[in-house]
Amino acid sequence: MKRCCICDKDLVRLRGEVSAQWENRRYCSHACARLKPRKTIADRLSPIKVDRNGCWNWQASKNNKGYGQLRIEGRGVLAHRLSYIFHKGEIPPGGCILHSCDNPACINPDHLRVGTKAHNTADMMAKGRHRAGNAKLSVAEQNEIRASAEAGNVLAARYGVAPSTITRIRGVVRW
C-alpha cells in the first residue's frame, strides 16, 4: 500500500483515477500537497549549464532580453539578481546588477557586481551594446555586419532582420 509522504496515511485510489495518476500521486489530500517541502533557493538556481567562459547559463525560463526569470512566492524575480543575493548578500536600494561577461543568461556570482543605472549605461556605451533610437541592432552588431563577407540573407537570418536592412547597413545608409 502506498503512503502519503507528508502525514503517512494510506493512499486510497480515487474513483476514475487512471493508472498513471495513481502511480505519480504522493499525497493523500490537497492539504498535504500544499505542505510539500519547498525547494531551497540553491535548488531553484540549479538549472544552469557552465560554458567555456565560466558563465553559469540559466536554462529555465528567460524574458525577451535573455535574462533568466522565475517566480518566488508569486512574484517574478530575475535569476541573476537572486543569484547575487544568495551568494553575496543584499542589493542596495536602487542598485543594478551588472554582468562583467555581458551575458544576460549568466548567473555566476563571480561575473556579477552591484552598480547604478549610470554605471550600467556607461558600461553599455563603452562596450558598444547600445542601440540608436529604437534600432534593432547595436552599433557593435552593425560593425560586425560591415566587416563580414557572408551573404546578406545569411546575416539577415542570424540577426533577425530583413536582407534589405543588411544592404543598408553595408552601404552606411541610415536605417
C-alpha atoms as a PDB file:
ATOM      1  CA  MET A   1       0.000   0.000   0.000  1.00  0.00           C
ATOM      2  CA  LYS A   2       1.212   3.496  -0.825  1.00  0.00           C
ATOM      3  CA  ARG A   3       1.507   6.082   1.939  1.00  0.00           C
ATOM      4  CA  CYS A   4       1.272   9.897   1.960  1.00  0.00           C
ATOM      5  CA  CYS A   5       4.764  11.394   2.129  1.00  0.00           C
ATOM      6  CA  ILE A   6       3.555  14.167   4.499  1.00  0.00           C
ATOM      7  CA  CYS A   7       1.170  12.555   7.036  1.00  0.00           C
ATOM      8  CA  ASP A   8       1.969   8.873   6.399  1.00  0.00           C
ATOM      9  CA  LYS A   9      -1.702   7.923   5.895  1.00  0.00           C
ATOM     10  CA  ASP A  10      -2.619   5.174   3.460  1.00  0.00           C
ATOM     11  CA  LEU A  11      -3.326   6.442  -0.036  1.00  0.00           C
ATOM     12  CA  VAL A  12      -6.676   5.330  -1.379  1.00  0.00           C
ATOM     13  CA  ARG A  13      -7.133   5.107  -5.111  1.00  0.00           C
ATOM     14  CA  LEU A  14      -9.798   7.575  -6.186  1.00  0.00           C
ATOM     15  CA  ARG A  15     -12.712   6.642  -8.432  1.00  0.00           C
ATOM     16  CA  GLY A  16     -11.824   7.438 -12.042  1.00  0.00           C
ATOM     17  CA  GLU A  17      -8.114   7.831 -11.287  1.00  0.00           C
ATOM     18  CA  VAL A  18      -6.104   6.339 -14.161  1.00  0.00           C
ATOM     19  CA  SER A  19      -3.005   4.234 -13.544  1.00  0.00           C
ATOM     20  CA  ALA A  20      -0.530   6.995 -14.382  1.00  0.00           C
ATOM     21  CA  GLN A  21      -2.201   9.387 -11.933  1.00  0.00           C
ATOM     22  CA  TRP A  22      -2.247   6.759  -9.198  1.00  0.00           C
ATOM     23  CA  GLU A  23       1.426   5.857  -9.735  1.00  0.00           C
ATOM     24  CA  ASN A  24       2.506   9.523  -9.606  1.00  0.00           C
ATOM     25  CA  ARG A  25       0.386  10.557  -6.611  1.00  0.00           C
ATOM     26  CA  ARG A  26       2.347  11.111  -3.385  1.00  0.00           C
ATOM     27  CA  TYR A  27      -0.184  12.925  -1.179  1.00  0.00           C
ATOM     28  CA  CYS A  28      -3.460  11.819   0.406  1.00  0.00           C
ATOM     29  CA  SER A  29      -5.145  15.217   0.003  1.00  0.00           C
ATOM     30  CA  HIS A  30      -4.776  18.732  -1.402  1.00  0.00           C
ATOM     31  CA  ALA A  31      -3.957  19.913   2.126  1.00  0.00           C
ATOM     32  CA  CYS A  32      -0.930  17.581   2.299  1.00  0.00           C
ATOM     33  CA  ALA A  33       0.115  18.530  -1.241  1.00  0.00           C
ATOM     34  CA  ARG A  34       0.220  22.213  -0.161  1.00  0.00           C
ATOM     35  CA  LEU A  35       2.522  21.210   2.711  1.00  0.00           C
ATOM     36  CA  LYS A  36       5.056  19.553   0.430  1.00  0.00           C
ATOM     37  CA  PRO A  37       8.631  20.586   1.099  1.00  0.00           C
ATOM     38  CA  ARG A  38       9.568  23.756  -0.775  1.00  0.00           C
ATOM     39  CA  LYS A  39      12.662  23.890  -2.929  1.00  0.00           C
ATOM     40  CA  THR A  40      15.552  25.822  -1.453  1.00  0.00           C
ATOM     41  CA  ILE A  41      16.992  28.859  -3.235  1.00  0.00           C
ATOM     42  CA  ALA A  42      20.012  26.731  -4.192  1.00  0.00           C
ATOM     43  CA  ASP A  43      17.646  24.194  -5.800  1.00  0.00           C
ATOM     44  CA  ARG A  44      15.783  26.982  -7.606  1.00  0.00           C
ATOM     45  CA  LEU A  45      19.094  28.306  -9.030  1.00  0.00           C
ATOM     46  CA  SER A  46      20.193  24.870 -10.274  1.00  0.00           C
ATOM     47  CA  PRO A  47      19.012  24.807 -13.929  1.00  0.00           C
ATOM     48  CA  ILE A  48      22.345  26.002 -15.341  1.00  0.00           C
ATOM     49  CA  LYS A  49      24.885  24.954 -17.931  1.00  0.00           C
ATOM     50  CA  VAL A  50      28.502  26.100 -17.491  1.00  0.00           C
ATOM     51  CA  ASP A  51      30.191  27.316 -20.693  1.00  0.00           C
ATOM     52  CA  ARG A  52      33.892  27.711 -21.582  1.00  0.00           C
ATOM     53  CA  ASN A  53      33.895  31.339 -20.331  1.00  0.00           C
ATOM     54  CA  GLY A  54      32.821  30.219 -16.857  1.00  0.00           C
ATOM     55  CA  CYS A  55      29.293  31.576 -17.306  1.00  0.00           C
ATOM     56  CA  TRP A  56      26.541  29.721 -15.473  1.00  0.00           C
ATOM     57  CA  ASN A  57      23.917  29.969 -18.224  1.00  0.00           C
ATOM     58  CA  TRP A  58      20.319  29.861 -16.985  1.00  0.00           C
ATOM     59  CA  GLN A  59      18.459  27.024 -18.725  1.00  0.00           C
ATOM     60  CA  ALA A  60      14.917  27.648 -17.498  1.00  0.00           C
ATOM     61  CA  SER A  61      12.537  30.475 -18.445  1.00  0.00           C
ATOM     62  CA  LYS A  62      14.031  33.677 -19.887  1.00  0.00           C
ATOM     63  CA  ASN A  63      12.481  37.062 -20.601  1.00  0.00           C
ATOM     64  CA  ASN A  64      12.561  38.795 -24.011  1.00  0.00           C
ATOM     65  CA  LYS A  65      16.006  40.286 -23.241  1.00  0.00           C
ATOM     66  CA  GLY A  66      17.558  36.893 -22.426  1.00  0.00           C
ATOM     67  CA  TYR A  67      17.643  37.258 -18.622  1.00  0.00           C
ATOM     68  CA  GLY A  68      16.680  34.223 -16.547  1.00  0.00           C
ATOM     69  CA  GLN A  69      13.421  34.570 -14.670  1.00  0.00           C
ATOM     70  CA  LEU A  70      11.497  32.598 -12.069  1.00  0.00           C
ATOM     71  CA  ARG A  71       8.647  33.065  -9.627  1.00  0.00           C
ATOM     72  CA  ILE A  72       9.139  33.113  -5.885  1.00  0.00           C
ATOM     73  CA  GLU A  73       6.085  33.450  -3.666  1.00  0.00           C
ATOM     74  CA  GLY A  74       4.059  34.651  -6.670  1.00  0.00           C
ATOM     75  CA  ARG A  75       6.499  37.395  -7.684  1.00  0.00           C
ATOM     76  CA  GLY A  76       8.650  37.467 -10.805  1.00  0.00           C
ATOM     77  CA  VAL A  77      12.371  37.544  -9.977  1.00  0.00           C
ATOM     78  CA  LEU A  78      15.357  37.858 -12.308  1.00  0.00           C
ATOM     79  CA  ALA A  79      17.679  34.891 -11.825  1.00  0.00           C
ATOM     80  CA  HIS A  80      20.916  36.915 -11.840  1.00  0.00           C
ATOM     81  CA  ARG A  81      19.598  39.197  -9.067  1.00  0.00           C
ATOM     82  CA  LEU A  82      18.544  36.178  -6.984  1.00  0.00           C
ATOM     83  CA  SER A  83      21.962  34.579  -7.544  1.00  0.00           C
ATOM     84  CA  TYR A  84      23.701  37.749  -6.378  1.00  0.00           C
ATOM     85  CA  ILE A  85      21.552  37.966  -3.240  1.00  0.00           C
ATOM     86  CA  PHE A  86      22.035  34.259  -2.464  1.00  0.00           C
ATOM     87  CA  HIS A  87      25.822  34.252  -2.927  1.00  0.00           C
ATOM     88  CA  LYS A  88      26.899  37.784  -1.979  1.00  0.00           C
ATOM     89  CA  GLY A  89      24.131  39.471   0.010  1.00  0.00           C
ATOM     90  CA  GLU A  90      21.566  42.223  -0.355  1.00  0.00           C
ATOM     91  CA  ILE A  91      21.399  44.648  -3.256  1.00  0.00           C
ATOM     92  CA  PRO A  92      21.335  48.281  -2.111  1.00  0.00           C
ATOM     93  CA  PRO A  93      18.111  50.211  -2.853  1.00  0.00           C
ATOM     94  CA  GLY A  94      18.169  51.439  -6.451  1.00  0.00           C
ATOM     95  CA  GLY A  95      21.094  49.137  -7.248  1.00  0.00           C
ATOM     96  CA  CYS A  96      21.539  47.303 -10.526  1.00  0.00           C
ATOM     97  CA  ILE A  97      23.377  44.033 -11.033  1.00  0.00           C
ATOM     98  CA  LEU A  98      25.939  44.329 -13.838  1.00  0.00           C
ATOM     99  CA  HIS A  99      27.416  41.399 -15.747  1.00  0.00           C
ATOM    100  CA  SER A 100      31.172  41.566 -16.368  1.00  0.00           C
ATOM    101  CA  CYS A 101      30.674  38.870 -19.044  1.00  0.00           C
ATOM    102  CA  ASP A 102      27.878  40.753 -20.893  1.00  0.00           C
ATOM    103  CA  ASN A 103      25.832  37.540 -20.959  1.00  0.00           C
ATOM    104  CA  PRO A 104      22.270  38.176 -19.716  1.00  0.00           C
ATOM    105  CA  ALA A 105      21.668  34.440 -19.111  1.00  0.00           C
ATOM    106  CA  CYS A 106      24.712  34.182 -16.771  1.00  0.00           C
ATOM    107  CA  ILE A 107      24.053  33.820 -13.027  1.00  0.00           C
ATOM    108  CA  ASN A 108      27.667  33.164 -11.949  1.00  0.00           C
ATOM    109  CA  PRO A 109      28.187  35.376  -8.858  1.00  0.00           C
ATOM    110  CA  ASP A 110      31.830  35.922  -9.876  1.00  0.00           C
ATOM    111  CA  HIS A 111      30.543  37.660 -13.033  1.00  0.00           C
ATOM    112  CA  LEU A 112      28.043  39.871 -11.162  1.00  0.00           C
ATOM    113  CA  ARG A 113      28.612  43.179  -9.393  1.00  0.00           C
ATOM    114  CA  VAL A 114      26.465  45.956  -7.968  1.00  0.00           C
ATOM    115  CA  GLY A 115      26.258  49.266  -9.780  1.00  0.00           C
ATOM    116  CA  THR A 116      23.860  52.095 -10.514  1.00  0.00           C
ATOM    117  CA  LYS A 117      21.832  52.769 -13.633  1.00  0.00           C
ATOM    118  CA  ALA A 118      24.506  55.305 -14.588  1.00  0.00           C
ATOM    119  CA  HIS A 119      27.219  52.618 -14.244  1.00  0.00           C
ATOM    120  CA  ASN A 120      25.138  50.228 -16.332  1.00  0.00           C
ATOM    121  CA  THR A 121      24.622  52.833 -19.082  1.00  0.00           C
ATOM    122  CA  ALA A 122      28.319  53.801 -19.104  1.00  0.00           C
ATOM    123  CA  ASP A 123      29.289  50.109 -19.306  1.00  0.00           C
ATOM    124  CA  MET A 124      26.849  49.561 -22.169  1.00  0.00           C
ATOM    125  CA  MET A 125      28.175  52.572 -24.108  1.00  0.00           C
ATOM    126  CA  ALA A 126      31.827  51.624 -23.527  1.00  0.00           C
ATOM    127  CA  LYS A 127      31.231  48.101 -24.838  1.00  0.00           C
ATOM    128  CA  GLY A 128      29.183  49.175 -27.876  1.00  0.00           C
ATOM    129  CA  ARG A 129      25.991  47.421 -26.761  1.00  0.00           C
ATOM    130  CA  HIS A 130      23.761  50.471 -27.156  1.00  0.00           C
ATOM    131  CA  ARG A 131      21.234  50.939 -29.926  1.00  0.00           C
ATOM    132  CA  ALA A 132      20.461  54.180 -31.693  1.00  0.00           C
ATOM    133  CA  GLY A 133      16.842  55.193 -31.030  1.00  0.00           C
ATOM    134  CA  ASN A 134      14.622  52.178 -31.481  1.00  0.00           C
ATOM    135  CA  ALA A 135      17.102  50.336 -33.748  1.00  0.00           C
ATOM    136  CA  LYS A 136      17.055  46.552 -33.576  1.00  0.00           C
ATOM    137  CA  LEU A 137      20.847  46.172 -33.895  1.00  0.00           C
ATOM    138  CA  SER A 138      23.566  47.635 -31.676  1.00  0.00           C
ATOM    139  CA  VAL A 139      26.468  49.652 -33.071  1.00  0.00           C
ATOM    140  CA  ALA A 140      28.764  46.663 -32.442  1.00  0.00           C
ATOM    141  CA  GLU A 141      26.426  44.367 -34.416  1.00  0.00           C
ATOM    142  CA  GLN A 142      26.320  46.855 -37.277  1.00  0.00           C
ATOM    143  CA  ASN A 143      30.128  46.927 -37.347  1.00  0.00           C
ATOM    144  CA  GLU A 144      30.212  43.105 -37.384  1.00  0.00           C
ATOM    145  CA  ILE A 145      27.853  43.109 -40.374  1.00  0.00           C
ATOM    146  CA  ARG A 146      30.001  45.644 -42.250  1.00  0.00           C
ATOM    147  CA  ALA A 147      33.138  43.567 -41.594  1.00  0.00           C
ATOM    148  CA  SER A 148      31.538  40.249 -42.587  1.00  0.00           C
ATOM    149  CA  ALA A 149      31.978  38.692 -46.032  1.00  0.00           C
ATOM    150  CA  GLU A 150      28.925  36.447 -45.542  1.00  0.00           C
ATOM    151  CA  ALA A 151      25.890  36.727 -47.804  1.00  0.00           C
ATOM    152  CA  GLY A 152      23.259  39.276 -46.778  1.00  0.00           C
ATOM    153  CA  ASN A 153      20.481  36.709 -46.428  1.00  0.00           C
ATOM    154  CA  VAL A 154      22.644  34.592 -44.083  1.00  0.00           C
ATOM    155  CA  LEU A 155      23.388  37.621 -41.896  1.00  0.00           C
ATOM    156  CA  ALA A 156      19.737  38.704 -42.007  1.00  0.00           C
ATOM    157  CA  ALA A 157      18.641  35.310 -40.668  1.00  0.00           C
ATOM    158  CA  ARG A 158      21.306  35.379 -37.936  1.00  0.00           C
ATOM    159  CA  TYR A 159      20.384  38.865 -36.694  1.00  0.00           C
ATOM    160  CA  GLY A 160      16.630  38.553 -37.236  1.00  0.00           C
ATOM    161  CA  VAL A 161      16.309  41.413 -39.733  1.00  0.00           C
ATOM    162  CA  ALA A 162      15.355  41.760 -43.397  1.00  0.00           C
ATOM    163  CA  PRO A 163      18.067  41.339 -46.084  1.00  0.00           C
ATOM    164  CA  SER A 164      17.416  44.942 -47.146  1.00  0.00           C
ATOM    165  CA  THR A 165      18.496  46.056 -43.663  1.00  0.00           C
ATOM    166  CA  ILE A 166      21.847  44.307 -44.161  1.00  0.00           C
ATOM    167  CA  THR A 167      22.239  46.068 -47.532  1.00  0.00           C
ATOM    168  CA  ARG A 168      21.523  49.453 -45.940  1.00  0.00           C
ATOM    169  CA  ILE A 169      23.965  48.819 -43.089  1.00  0.00           C
ATOM    170  CA  ARG A 170      26.714  47.795 -45.507  1.00  0.00           C
ATOM    171  CA  GLY A 171      26.006  50.870 -47.610  1.00  0.00           C
ATOM    172  CA  VAL A 172      26.147  53.035 -44.436  1.00  0.00           C
ATOM    173  CA  VAL A 173      22.656  54.293 -45.247  1.00  0.00           C
ATOM    174  CA  ARG A 174      20.844  55.486 -42.151  1.00  0.00           C
ATOM    175  CA  TRP A 175      18.195  52.938 -41.274  1.00  0.00           C
END
